Amino acid sequence: MDTPGHVDFAAQTEQVLPVLDYALLVVSATDGIQGSTRLWWRLLQAANIPTFIFINKTDSLGANVTGVIEQLQTEFDAGCLPLTSDNYEAIAMTDEAALDELLSTETLADPTIQRLIDHRHVFPVYTGAALKLAGVDELIAGLTHWTSPLTPASNALAGRVFKISHAPTGERLTWLRVTGGTLQAKTELLPGEKN
């Protein structure tokens, strides 16, 4: 979610929140937290969606990465932190079990940090300039490393409809997030039919 982003896409973005495993909140290094940033934060919080943060436009005149991180920690959550070993103490302070681990081993295991992210105790912060692809590789690597795939509750077909739209030909399209089982492309599901 790009903030402030274009208001025309806000409703469409909000529609997909229930099917997200993770979210990426993009905040400007020059403007910091805006009204729409607060709105998306509240919506992500209400939906309990683990969130990564990308501070963008760090190459722009007036960029203040440190100030934006402080603003995120003050207004949103103290767990808005870059995931570096220098920050292990601050990361561990978000959870008692993590703090115990740090005190006994002097480090935090990757699964511990993953759990903190998944439970919304930590919100990893990355920085860069997306237009110039600066910091994007690090962000993608972080998403790959720190996220875990959704484990389906069962092998039975299950899903959640998150959007209904219409094709240019007028036929109705149903957008579905499959959360269990498998569904082949172009499969028709009829009411009452079991797979």
N, C-alpha and C. Protein backbone atom coordinates (compact mmCIF):
# COMPACT_ATOMS: atom_id res chain seq x y z
N MET A 1 0.83 -1.16 0.00
CA MET A 1 0.00 0.00 0.00
C MET A 1 0.88 1.23 0.00
N ASP A 2 0.76 2.00 -1.04
CA ASP A 2 1.55 3.20 -1.18
C ASP A 2 0.80 4.34 -0.48
N THR A 3 1.47 5.03 0.38
CA THR A 3 0.79 6.12 1.08
C THR A 3 1.50 7.44 0.82
N PRO A 4 0.82 8.52 0.42
CA PRO A 4 -0.63 8.57 0.39
C PRO A 4 -1.26 7.75 -0.74
N GLY A 5 -0.57 7.52 -1.84
CA GLY A 5 -1.17 6.72 -2.91
C GLY A 5 -2.31 7.47 -3.57
N HIS A 6 -2.87 6.88 -4.59
CA HIS A 6 -3.96 7.53 -5.32
C HIS A 6 -5.28 7.08 -4.74
N VAL A 7 -6.12 8.03 -4.38
CA VAL A 7 -7.38 7.74 -3.72
C VAL A 7 -8.30 6.85 -4.57
N ASP A 8 -8.16 6.90 -5.89
CA ASP A 8 -9.02 6.08 -6.76
C ASP A 8 -8.85 4.59 -6.52
N PHE A 9 -7.71 4.17 -6.00
CA PHE A 9 -7.45 2.75 -5.81
C PHE A 9 -7.69 2.29 -4.38
N ALA A 10 -8.07 3.19 -3.50
CA ALA A 10 -8.22 2.85 -2.08
C ALA A 10 -9.27 1.77 -1.86
N ALA A 11 -10.43 1.89 -2.49
CA ALA A 11 -11.51 0.91 -2.28
C ALA A 11 -11.09 -0.47 -2.77
N GLN A 12 -10.42 -0.52 -3.92
CA GLN A 12 -9.96 -1.81 -4.45
C GLN A 12 -8.92 -2.43 -3.52
N THR A 13 -8.03 -1.62 -2.99
CA THR A 13 -7.01 -2.12 -2.09
C THR A 13 -7.65 -2.65 -0.81
N GLU A 14 -8.62 -1.93 -0.29
CA GLU A 14 -9.29 -2.35 0.94
C GLU A 14 -10.02 -3.69 0.74
N GLN A 15 -10.54 -3.93 -0.47
CA GLN A 15 -11.26 -5.17 -0.75
C GLN A 15 -10.37 -6.41 -0.59
N VAL A 16 -9.10 -6.28 -0.88
CA VAL A 16 -8.23 -7.45 -0.85
C VAL A 16 -7.60 -7.70 0.52
N LEU A 17 -7.78 -6.81 1.47
CA LEU A 17 -7.16 -7.00 2.78
C LEU A 17 -7.49 -8.35 3.42
N PRO A 18 -8.73 -8.83 3.35
CA PRO A 18 -9.03 -10.11 4.02
C PRO A 18 -8.27 -11.32 3.47
N VAL A 19 -7.66 -11.20 2.29
CA VAL A 19 -6.97 -12.37 1.72
C VAL A 19 -5.46 -12.24 1.75
N LEU A 20 -4.95 -11.21 2.37
CA LEU A 20 -3.50 -11.01 2.43
C LEU A 20 -2.85 -11.85 3.52
N ASP A 21 -1.69 -12.42 3.23
CA ASP A 21 -0.87 -13.05 4.26
C ASP A 21 0.00 -12.00 4.93
N TYR A 22 0.51 -11.06 4.14
CA TYR A 22 1.38 -9.98 4.61
C TYR A 22 1.04 -8.73 3.81
N ALA A 23 1.43 -7.58 4.36
CA ALA A 23 1.25 -6.32 3.64
C ALA A 23 2.59 -5.59 3.61
N LEU A 24 2.75 -4.74 2.60
CA LEU A 24 3.91 -3.87 2.49
C LEU A 24 3.38 -2.44 2.45
N LEU A 25 3.70 -1.69 3.47
CA LEU A 25 3.26 -0.30 3.59
C LEU A 25 4.41 0.59 3.13
N VAL A 26 4.17 1.40 2.12
CA VAL A 26 5.20 2.28 1.56
C VAL A 26 4.99 3.68 2.11
N VAL A 27 6.04 4.23 2.73
CA VAL A 27 5.98 5.55 3.35
C VAL A 27 7.07 6.41 2.74
N SER A 28 6.76 7.67 2.47
CA SER A 28 7.73 8.58 1.87
C SER A 28 8.75 9.06 2.90
N ALA A 29 10.02 9.04 2.49
CA ALA A 29 11.10 9.52 3.36
C ALA A 29 11.06 11.03 3.54
N THR A 30 10.39 11.72 2.63
CA THR A 30 10.31 13.18 2.74
C THR A 30 9.05 13.64 3.46
N ASP A 31 7.95 12.89 3.31
CA ASP A 31 6.67 13.31 3.88
C ASP A 31 6.31 12.59 5.17
N GLY A 32 6.90 11.43 5.42
CA GLY A 32 6.59 10.67 6.63
C GLY A 32 5.16 10.16 6.63
N ILE A 33 4.62 9.99 7.81
CA ILE A 33 3.28 9.44 7.98
C ILE A 33 2.25 10.49 7.56
N GLN A 34 1.38 10.10 6.65
CA GLN A 34 0.29 10.96 6.17
C GLN A 34 -1.04 10.41 6.69
N GLY A 35 -2.11 11.11 6.42
CA GLY A 35 -3.44 10.67 6.85
C GLY A 35 -3.78 9.29 6.31
N SER A 36 -3.48 9.04 5.05
CA SER A 36 -3.80 7.73 4.47
C SER A 36 -2.91 6.64 5.06
N THR A 37 -1.69 7.00 5.48
CA THR A 37 -0.82 6.01 6.13
C THR A 37 -1.48 5.56 7.43
N ARG A 38 -2.03 6.49 8.17
CA ARG A 38 -2.72 6.16 9.42
C ARG A 38 -3.94 5.28 9.15
N LEU A 39 -4.69 5.61 8.10
CA LEU A 39 -5.87 4.82 7.75
C LEU A 39 -5.48 3.38 7.43
N TRP A 40 -4.47 3.20 6.57
CA TRP A 40 -4.05 1.84 6.22
C TRP A 40 -3.50 1.10 7.42
N TRP A 41 -2.78 1.79 8.27
CA TRP A 41 -2.25 1.14 9.47
C TRP A 41 -3.39 0.60 10.34
N ARG A 42 -4.43 1.43 10.54
CA ARG A 42 -5.58 0.98 11.34
C ARG A 42 -6.27 -0.21 10.69
N LEU A 43 -6.43 -0.19 9.37
CA LEU A 43 -7.09 -1.29 8.67
C LEU A 43 -6.25 -2.57 8.76
N LEU A 44 -4.93 -2.45 8.60
CA LEU A 44 -4.05 -3.62 8.73
C LEU A 44 -4.07 -4.16 10.15
N GLN A 45 -4.12 -3.25 11.11
CA GLN A 45 -4.18 -3.65 12.51
C GLN A 45 -5.49 -4.39 12.79
N ALA A 46 -6.61 -3.85 12.31
CA ALA A 46 -7.91 -4.48 12.53
C ALA A 46 -7.98 -5.86 11.88
N ALA A 47 -7.34 -6.01 10.71
CA ALA A 47 -7.34 -7.29 10.00
C ALA A 47 -6.23 -8.22 10.50
N ASN A 48 -5.40 -7.73 11.43
CA ASN A 48 -4.30 -8.52 12.02
C ASN A 48 -3.33 -9.04 10.96
N ILE A 49 -2.96 -8.19 10.03
CA ILE A 49 -2.08 -8.57 8.93
C ILE A 49 -0.64 -8.16 9.26
N PRO A 50 0.29 -9.12 9.29
CA PRO A 50 1.69 -8.77 9.49
C PRO A 50 2.14 -7.79 8.40
N THR A 51 2.90 -6.78 8.81
CA THR A 51 3.21 -5.69 7.89
C THR A 51 4.70 -5.38 7.83
N PHE A 52 5.19 -5.26 6.61
CA PHE A 52 6.54 -4.78 6.34
C PHE A 52 6.41 -3.32 5.92
N ILE A 53 7.44 -2.54 6.17
CA ILE A 53 7.41 -1.11 5.83
C ILE A 53 8.61 -0.80 4.94
N PHE A 54 8.33 -0.06 3.85
CA PHE A 54 9.40 0.39 2.96
C PHE A 54 9.37 1.91 2.95
N ILE A 55 10.44 2.51 3.45
CA ILE A 55 10.57 3.98 3.41
C ILE A 55 11.19 4.31 2.07
N ASN A 56 10.40 4.93 1.22
CA ASN A 56 10.77 5.21 -0.16
C ASN A 56 11.28 6.64 -0.34
N LYS A 57 11.89 6.89 -1.45
CA LYS A 57 12.37 8.23 -1.85
C LYS A 57 13.49 8.72 -0.93
N THR A 58 14.35 7.80 -0.51
CA THR A 58 15.46 8.20 0.36
C THR A 58 16.49 9.04 -0.37
N ASP A 59 16.39 9.07 -1.71
CA ASP A 59 17.32 9.87 -2.51
C ASP A 59 16.82 11.29 -2.73
N SER A 60 15.62 11.60 -2.26
CA SER A 60 15.03 12.92 -2.50
C SER A 60 15.55 13.96 -1.52
N LEU A 61 15.56 15.19 -1.99
CA LEU A 61 15.95 16.32 -1.15
C LEU A 61 14.99 16.40 0.04
N GLY A 62 15.52 16.47 1.23
CA GLY A 62 14.68 16.56 2.42
C GLY A 62 14.32 15.21 3.03
N ALA A 63 14.87 14.13 2.48
CA ALA A 63 14.59 12.80 3.04
C ALA A 63 15.14 12.72 4.45
N ASN A 64 14.35 12.13 5.34
CA ASN A 64 14.76 12.01 6.74
C ASN A 64 14.38 10.62 7.23
N VAL A 65 15.18 9.63 6.90
CA VAL A 65 14.87 8.24 7.24
C VAL A 65 14.78 8.05 8.75
N THR A 66 15.75 8.58 9.48
CA THR A 66 15.76 8.44 10.94
C THR A 66 14.50 9.05 11.54
N GLY A 67 14.13 10.21 11.06
CA GLY A 67 12.92 10.89 11.55
C GLY A 67 11.67 10.10 11.26
N VAL A 68 11.60 9.49 10.07
CA VAL A 68 10.42 8.70 9.71
C VAL A 68 10.34 7.44 10.57
N ILE A 69 11.48 6.79 10.81
CA ILE A 69 11.48 5.60 11.67
C ILE A 69 11.02 5.98 13.08
N GLU A 70 11.51 7.10 13.60
CA GLU A 70 11.08 7.56 14.93
C GLU A 70 9.59 7.85 14.94
N GLN A 71 9.09 8.45 13.86
CA GLN A 71 7.67 8.75 13.75
C GLN A 71 6.85 7.45 13.73
N LEU A 72 7.31 6.46 12.97
CA LEU A 72 6.63 5.16 12.92
C LEU A 72 6.59 4.52 14.30
N GLN A 73 7.70 4.59 15.02
CA GLN A 73 7.77 3.98 16.35
C GLN A 73 6.90 4.72 17.36
N THR A 74 6.80 6.02 17.22
CA THR A 74 6.00 6.82 18.15
C THR A 74 4.51 6.71 17.86
N GLU A 75 4.14 6.85 16.58
CA GLU A 75 2.72 6.89 16.23
C GLU A 75 2.10 5.52 16.00
N PHE A 76 2.90 4.56 15.54
CA PHE A 76 2.33 3.24 15.22
C PHE A 76 2.73 2.18 16.24
N ASP A 77 4.00 1.83 16.29
CA ASP A 77 4.43 0.76 17.18
C ASP A 77 5.95 0.82 17.35
N ALA A 78 6.41 0.58 18.57
CA ALA A 78 7.85 0.58 18.84
C ALA A 78 8.56 -0.54 18.07
N GLY A 79 7.80 -1.52 17.59
CA GLY A 79 8.36 -2.64 16.84
C GLY A 79 8.64 -2.34 15.38
N CYS A 80 8.46 -1.10 14.95
CA CYS A 80 8.82 -0.71 13.57
C CYS A 80 10.34 -0.53 13.56
N LEU A 81 11.05 -1.57 13.12
CA LEU A 81 12.50 -1.59 13.26
C LEU A 81 13.19 -2.20 12.05
N PRO A 82 14.34 -1.65 11.67
CA PRO A 82 15.18 -2.36 10.68
C PRO A 82 15.66 -3.66 11.32
N LEU A 83 15.68 -4.74 10.55
CA LEU A 83 16.08 -6.05 11.10
C LEU A 83 17.58 -6.23 10.97
N THR A 84 18.30 -5.62 11.89
CA THR A 84 19.75 -5.78 11.92
C THR A 84 20.15 -6.30 13.30
N SER A 85 21.32 -6.92 13.38
CA SER A 85 21.77 -7.44 14.67
C SER A 85 21.95 -6.32 15.69
N ASP A 86 22.20 -5.10 15.21
CA ASP A 86 22.30 -3.95 16.11
C ASP A 86 20.98 -3.68 16.84
N ASN A 87 19.87 -4.12 16.23
CA ASN A 87 18.54 -3.87 16.79
C ASN A 87 17.97 -5.06 17.55
N TYR A 88 18.77 -6.12 17.76
CA TYR A 88 18.24 -7.31 18.42
C TYR A 88 17.63 -7.00 19.79
N GLU A 89 18.25 -6.09 20.52
CA GLU A 89 17.71 -5.78 21.84
C GLU A 89 16.33 -5.14 21.72
N ALA A 90 16.18 -4.19 20.81
CA ALA A 90 14.88 -3.54 20.60
C ALA A 90 13.86 -4.55 20.08
N ILE A 91 14.30 -5.44 19.18
CA ILE A 91 13.40 -6.48 18.65
C ILE A 91 12.95 -7.39 19.78
N ALA A 92 13.88 -7.81 20.62
CA ALA A 92 13.57 -8.72 21.72
C ALA A 92 12.66 -8.07 22.76
N MET A 93 12.73 -6.77 22.90
CA MET A 93 11.91 -6.07 23.89
C MET A 93 10.43 -6.11 23.54
N THR A 94 10.08 -6.56 22.35
CA THR A 94 8.68 -6.61 21.94
C THR A 94 7.98 -7.87 22.44
N ASP A 95 8.74 -8.82 23.03
CA ASP A 95 8.15 -10.11 23.40
C ASP A 95 9.00 -10.74 24.51
N GLU A 96 8.34 -11.22 25.55
CA GLU A 96 9.07 -11.77 26.70
C GLU A 96 9.90 -13.00 26.35
N ALA A 97 9.33 -13.91 25.55
CA ALA A 97 10.07 -15.12 25.16
C ALA A 97 11.29 -14.76 24.32
N ALA A 98 11.15 -13.78 23.45
CA ALA A 98 12.28 -13.34 22.62
C ALA A 98 13.36 -12.71 23.50
N LEU A 99 12.95 -11.95 24.50
CA LEU A 99 13.92 -11.34 25.40
C LEU A 99 14.67 -12.41 26.19
N ASP A 100 13.95 -13.44 26.65
CA ASP A 100 14.61 -14.55 27.34
C ASP A 100 15.63 -15.22 26.43
N GLU A 101 15.25 -15.42 25.17
CA GLU A 101 16.16 -16.05 24.20
C GLU A 101 17.41 -15.20 24.01
N LEU A 102 17.24 -13.90 23.85
CA LEU A 102 18.38 -13.01 23.65
C LEU A 102 19.30 -13.02 24.86
N LEU A 103 18.71 -12.98 26.05
CA LEU A 103 19.53 -12.97 27.27
C LEU A 103 20.29 -14.27 27.46
N SER A 104 19.72 -15.39 27.05
CA SER A 104 20.39 -16.67 27.25
C SER A 104 21.34 -17.05 26.12
N THR A 105 21.07 -16.59 24.88
CA THR A 105 21.91 -17.00 23.75
C THR A 105 22.68 -15.84 23.12
N GLU A 106 22.34 -14.60 23.50
CA GLU A 106 22.95 -13.38 22.95
C GLU A 106 22.63 -13.19 21.48
N THR A 107 21.61 -13.88 20.98
CA THR A 107 21.15 -13.68 19.60
C THR A 107 19.68 -14.06 19.52
N LEU A 108 19.07 -13.80 18.37
CA LEU A 108 17.69 -14.21 18.12
C LEU A 108 17.68 -15.12 16.90
N ALA A 109 17.06 -16.26 17.02
CA ALA A 109 16.97 -17.20 15.90
C ALA A 109 15.97 -16.67 14.88
N ASP A 110 16.21 -17.01 13.62
CA ASP A 110 15.31 -16.56 12.56
C ASP A 110 13.86 -16.93 12.81
N PRO A 111 13.56 -18.17 13.25
CA PRO A 111 12.15 -18.51 13.52
C PRO A 111 11.51 -17.62 14.60
N THR A 112 12.31 -17.17 15.54
CA THR A 112 11.79 -16.27 16.58
C THR A 112 11.39 -14.94 15.96
N ILE A 113 12.25 -14.39 15.11
CA ILE A 113 11.94 -13.12 14.46
C ILE A 113 10.74 -13.29 13.53
N GLN A 114 10.67 -14.42 12.83
CA GLN A 114 9.51 -14.70 11.98
C GLN A 114 8.23 -14.71 12.79
N ARG A 115 8.27 -15.34 13.96
CA ARG A 115 7.09 -15.39 14.82
C ARG A 115 6.69 -13.98 15.28
N LEU A 116 7.68 -13.16 15.62
CA LEU A 116 7.39 -11.78 16.05
C LEU A 116 6.74 -10.98 14.92
N ILE A 117 7.18 -11.22 13.70
CA ILE A 117 6.57 -10.54 12.55
C ILE A 117 5.15 -11.04 12.35
N ASP A 118 4.98 -12.36 12.35
CA ASP A 118 3.65 -12.95 12.11
C ASP A 118 2.63 -12.54 13.16
N HIS A 119 3.09 -12.31 14.40
CA HIS A 119 2.19 -11.92 15.49
C HIS A 119 2.09 -10.41 15.65
N ARG A 120 2.66 -9.67 14.70
CA ARG A 120 2.59 -8.20 14.69
C ARG A 120 3.25 -7.57 15.93
N HIS A 121 4.35 -8.17 16.38
CA HIS A 121 5.16 -7.54 17.43
C HIS A 121 6.28 -6.72 16.79
N VAL A 122 6.72 -7.16 15.60
CA VAL A 122 7.79 -6.48 14.87
C VAL A 122 7.30 -6.20 13.45
N PHE A 123 7.65 -5.01 12.97
CA PHE A 123 7.28 -4.57 11.62
C PHE A 123 8.57 -4.16 10.92
N PRO A 124 9.16 -5.09 10.14
CA PRO A 124 10.47 -4.82 9.53
C PRO A 124 10.45 -3.57 8.64
N VAL A 125 11.46 -2.74 8.81
CA VAL A 125 11.58 -1.49 8.05
C VAL A 125 12.75 -1.61 7.08
N TYR A 126 12.47 -1.33 5.81
CA TYR A 126 13.49 -1.29 4.76
C TYR A 126 13.46 0.11 4.16
N THR A 127 14.57 0.51 3.55
CA THR A 127 14.66 1.85 2.98
C THR A 127 15.22 1.79 1.57
N GLY A 128 14.91 2.80 0.78
CA GLY A 128 15.46 2.87 -0.56
C GLY A 128 14.75 3.88 -1.43
N ALA A 129 15.02 3.78 -2.71
CA ALA A 129 14.42 4.64 -3.72
C ALA A 129 13.92 3.72 -4.83
N ALA A 130 12.65 3.36 -4.77
CA ALA A 130 12.09 2.35 -5.67
C ALA A 130 12.25 2.72 -7.14
N LEU A 131 12.13 4.00 -7.46
CA LEU A 131 12.24 4.43 -8.86
C LEU A 131 13.61 4.09 -9.44
N LYS A 132 14.63 4.13 -8.60
CA LYS A 132 15.99 3.81 -9.04
C LYS A 132 16.39 2.39 -8.63
N LEU A 133 15.41 1.62 -8.11
CA LEU A 133 15.62 0.24 -7.65
C LEU A 133 16.59 0.13 -6.48
N ALA A 134 16.88 1.23 -5.83
CA ALA A 134 17.76 1.21 -4.65
C ALA A 134 16.99 0.63 -3.47
N GLY A 135 17.57 -0.37 -2.84
CA GLY A 135 16.94 -0.99 -1.68
C GLY A 135 15.89 -2.04 -2.00
N VAL A 136 15.53 -2.16 -3.28
CA VAL A 136 14.48 -3.10 -3.66
C VAL A 136 14.94 -4.54 -3.51
N ASP A 137 16.18 -4.83 -3.91
CA ASP A 137 16.70 -6.20 -3.76
C ASP A 137 16.71 -6.62 -2.29
N GLU A 138 17.10 -5.70 -1.40
CA GLU A 138 17.12 -5.99 0.02
C GLU A 138 15.71 -6.25 0.54
N LEU A 139 14.76 -5.45 0.06
CA LEU A 139 13.36 -5.63 0.46
C LEU A 139 12.84 -7.00 0.01
N ILE A 140 13.07 -7.35 -1.25
CA ILE A 140 12.62 -8.65 -1.77
C ILE A 140 13.29 -9.79 -1.00
N ALA A 141 14.57 -9.65 -0.74
CA ALA A 141 15.28 -10.68 0.03
C ALA A 141 14.69 -10.80 1.44
N GLY A 142 14.36 -9.67 2.04
CA GLY A 142 13.75 -9.68 3.37
C GLY A 142 12.39 -10.33 3.37
N LEU A 143 11.58 -10.01 2.36
CA LEU A 143 10.26 -10.64 2.25
C LEU A 143 10.40 -12.15 2.08
N THR A 144 11.35 -12.55 1.27
CA THR A 144 11.58 -13.98 1.02
C THR A 144 12.04 -14.68 2.30
N HIS A 145 12.94 -14.03 3.02
CA HIS A 145 13.53 -14.65 4.22
C HIS A 145 12.58 -14.68 5.41
N TRP A 146 11.84 -13.59 5.63
CA TRP A 146 11.09 -13.43 6.87
C TRP A 146 9.62 -13.84 6.79
N THR A 147 9.12 -14.13 5.62
CA THR A 147 7.72 -14.56 5.52
C THR A 147 7.66 -16.07 5.47
N SER A 148 6.53 -16.61 5.89
CA SER A 148 6.33 -18.05 5.82
C SER A 148 5.03 -18.32 5.08
N PRO A 149 5.01 -19.37 4.25
CA PRO A 149 3.81 -19.63 3.46
C PRO A 149 2.63 -20.03 4.34
N LEU A 150 1.45 -19.68 3.88
CA LEU A 150 0.23 -20.06 4.58
C LEU A 150 0.09 -21.57 4.54
N THR A 151 -0.14 -22.17 5.69
CA THR A 151 -0.35 -23.60 5.75
C THR A 151 -1.85 -23.86 5.75
N PRO A 152 -2.36 -24.55 4.72
CA PRO A 152 -3.80 -24.80 4.68
C PRO A 152 -4.25 -25.67 5.86
N ALA A 153 -5.44 -25.38 6.35
CA ALA A 153 -5.98 -26.13 7.48
C ALA A 153 -6.28 -27.58 7.10
N SER A 154 -6.61 -27.81 5.84
CA SER A 154 -6.90 -29.17 5.38
C SER A 154 -6.68 -29.22 3.87
N ASN A 155 -6.80 -30.41 3.31
CA ASN A 155 -6.66 -30.58 1.87
C ASN A 155 -7.98 -30.34 1.14
N ALA A 156 -9.05 -30.11 1.89
CA ALA A 156 -10.34 -29.85 1.27
C ALA A 156 -10.32 -28.47 0.61
N LEU A 157 -11.04 -28.37 -0.49
CA LEU A 157 -11.11 -27.09 -1.20
C LEU A 157 -11.77 -26.04 -0.31
N ALA A 158 -11.08 -24.95 -0.11
CA ALA A 158 -11.60 -23.84 0.69
C ALA A 158 -11.08 -22.55 0.09
N GLY A 159 -11.83 -21.50 0.23
CA GLY A 159 -11.39 -20.22 -0.30
C GLY A 159 -12.23 -19.08 0.22
N ARG A 160 -11.84 -17.88 -0.19
CA ARG A 160 -12.56 -16.69 0.22
C ARG A 160 -12.72 -15.77 -0.98
N VAL A 161 -13.94 -15.42 -1.27
CA VAL A 161 -14.21 -14.48 -2.36
C VAL A 161 -13.91 -13.08 -1.83
N PHE A 162 -13.11 -12.33 -2.59
CA PHE A 162 -12.80 -10.98 -2.11
C PHE A 162 -13.19 -9.90 -3.10
N LYS A 163 -13.68 -10.30 -4.28
CA LYS A 163 -14.07 -9.27 -5.23
C LYS A 163 -14.94 -9.89 -6.32
N ILE A 164 -15.93 -9.13 -6.74
CA ILE A 164 -16.75 -9.50 -7.90
C ILE A 164 -16.59 -8.37 -8.90
N SER A 165 -16.28 -8.72 -10.13
CA SER A 165 -16.14 -7.70 -11.18
C SER A 165 -16.78 -8.24 -12.46
N HIS A 166 -16.71 -7.47 -13.50
CA HIS A 166 -17.29 -7.90 -14.78
C HIS A 166 -16.26 -7.75 -15.89
N ALA A 167 -16.21 -8.76 -16.73
CA ALA A 167 -15.32 -8.74 -17.89
C ALA A 167 -15.88 -7.78 -18.92
N PRO A 168 -15.05 -7.33 -19.88
CA PRO A 168 -15.55 -6.43 -20.93
C PRO A 168 -16.73 -7.03 -21.71
N THR A 169 -16.81 -8.34 -21.74
CA THR A 169 -17.91 -9.00 -22.46
C THR A 169 -19.18 -9.07 -21.61
N GLY A 170 -19.11 -8.61 -20.34
CA GLY A 170 -20.28 -8.56 -19.49
C GLY A 170 -20.40 -9.72 -18.52
N GLU A 171 -19.59 -10.77 -18.69
CA GLU A 171 -19.71 -11.89 -17.75
C GLU A 171 -19.13 -11.52 -16.39
N ARG A 172 -19.74 -12.09 -15.38
CA ARG A 172 -19.33 -11.80 -14.01
C ARG A 172 -18.09 -12.62 -13.67
N LEU A 173 -17.11 -11.95 -13.04
CA LEU A 173 -15.88 -12.60 -12.59
C LEU A 173 -15.85 -12.60 -11.07
N THR A 174 -15.51 -13.74 -10.50
CA THR A 174 -15.39 -13.85 -9.06
C THR A 174 -13.92 -14.06 -8.73
N TRP A 175 -13.38 -13.18 -7.90
CA TRP A 175 -11.98 -13.26 -7.49
C TRP A 175 -11.93 -14.03 -6.18
N LEU A 176 -11.12 -15.09 -6.17
CA LEU A 176 -11.10 -16.03 -5.07
C LEU A 176 -9.68 -16.27 -4.58
N ARG A 177 -9.49 -16.27 -3.28
CA ARG A 177 -8.22 -16.66 -2.68
C ARG A 177 -8.41 -18.09 -2.20
N VAL A 178 -7.71 -19.04 -2.80
CA VAL A 178 -7.81 -20.43 -2.40
C VAL A 178 -6.95 -20.63 -1.15
N THR A 179 -7.59 -21.08 -0.07
CA THR A 179 -6.88 -21.26 1.20
C THR A 179 -6.71 -22.73 1.58
N GLY A 180 -7.24 -23.62 0.79
CA GLY A 180 -7.09 -25.05 1.05
C GLY A 180 -7.42 -25.84 -0.21
N GLY A 181 -6.79 -26.98 -0.37
CA GLY A 181 -7.05 -27.81 -1.53
C GLY A 181 -6.47 -27.20 -2.79
N THR A 182 -6.95 -27.65 -3.92
CA THR A 182 -6.49 -27.11 -5.20
C THR A 182 -7.68 -26.81 -6.09
N LEU A 183 -7.50 -25.89 -6.97
CA LEU A 183 -8.52 -25.49 -7.93
C LEU A 183 -7.80 -25.24 -9.25
N GLN A 184 -8.12 -26.02 -10.24
CA GLN A 184 -7.48 -25.87 -11.55
C GLN A 184 -8.07 -24.67 -12.28
N ALA A 185 -7.29 -24.07 -13.15
CA ALA A 185 -7.76 -22.94 -13.95
C ALA A 185 -8.97 -23.37 -14.78
N LYS A 186 -9.93 -22.48 -14.88
CA LYS A 186 -11.15 -22.65 -15.69
C LYS A 186 -12.11 -23.71 -15.13
N THR A 187 -11.90 -24.13 -13.87
CA THR A 187 -12.83 -25.05 -13.26
C THR A 187 -14.11 -24.32 -12.91
N GLU A 188 -15.25 -24.91 -13.22
CA GLU A 188 -16.54 -24.32 -12.86
C GLU A 188 -17.03 -24.96 -11.58
N LEU A 189 -17.43 -24.16 -10.63
CA LEU A 189 -18.02 -24.64 -9.40
C LEU A 189 -19.48 -24.23 -9.39
N LEU A 190 -20.34 -25.20 -9.20
CA LEU A 190 -21.76 -24.92 -9.19
C LEU A 190 -22.29 -25.06 -7.77
N PRO A 191 -23.34 -24.31 -7.41
CA PRO A 191 -23.87 -24.40 -6.05
C PRO A 191 -24.23 -25.84 -5.68
N GLY A 192 -23.81 -26.24 -4.48
CA GLY A 192 -24.11 -27.57 -3.99
C GLY A 192 -23.19 -28.65 -4.48
N GLU A 193 -22.31 -28.35 -5.44
CA GLU A 193 -21.40 -29.34 -6.00
C GLU A 193 -20.22 -29.55 -5.06
N LYS A 194 -19.83 -30.79 -4.87
CA LYS A 194 -18.66 -31.10 -4.01
C LYS A 194 -17.54 -31.62 -4.87
N ASN A 195 -16.32 -31.22 -4.52
CA ASN A 195 -15.13 -31.71 -5.24
C ASN A 195 -14.39 -32.70 -4.41
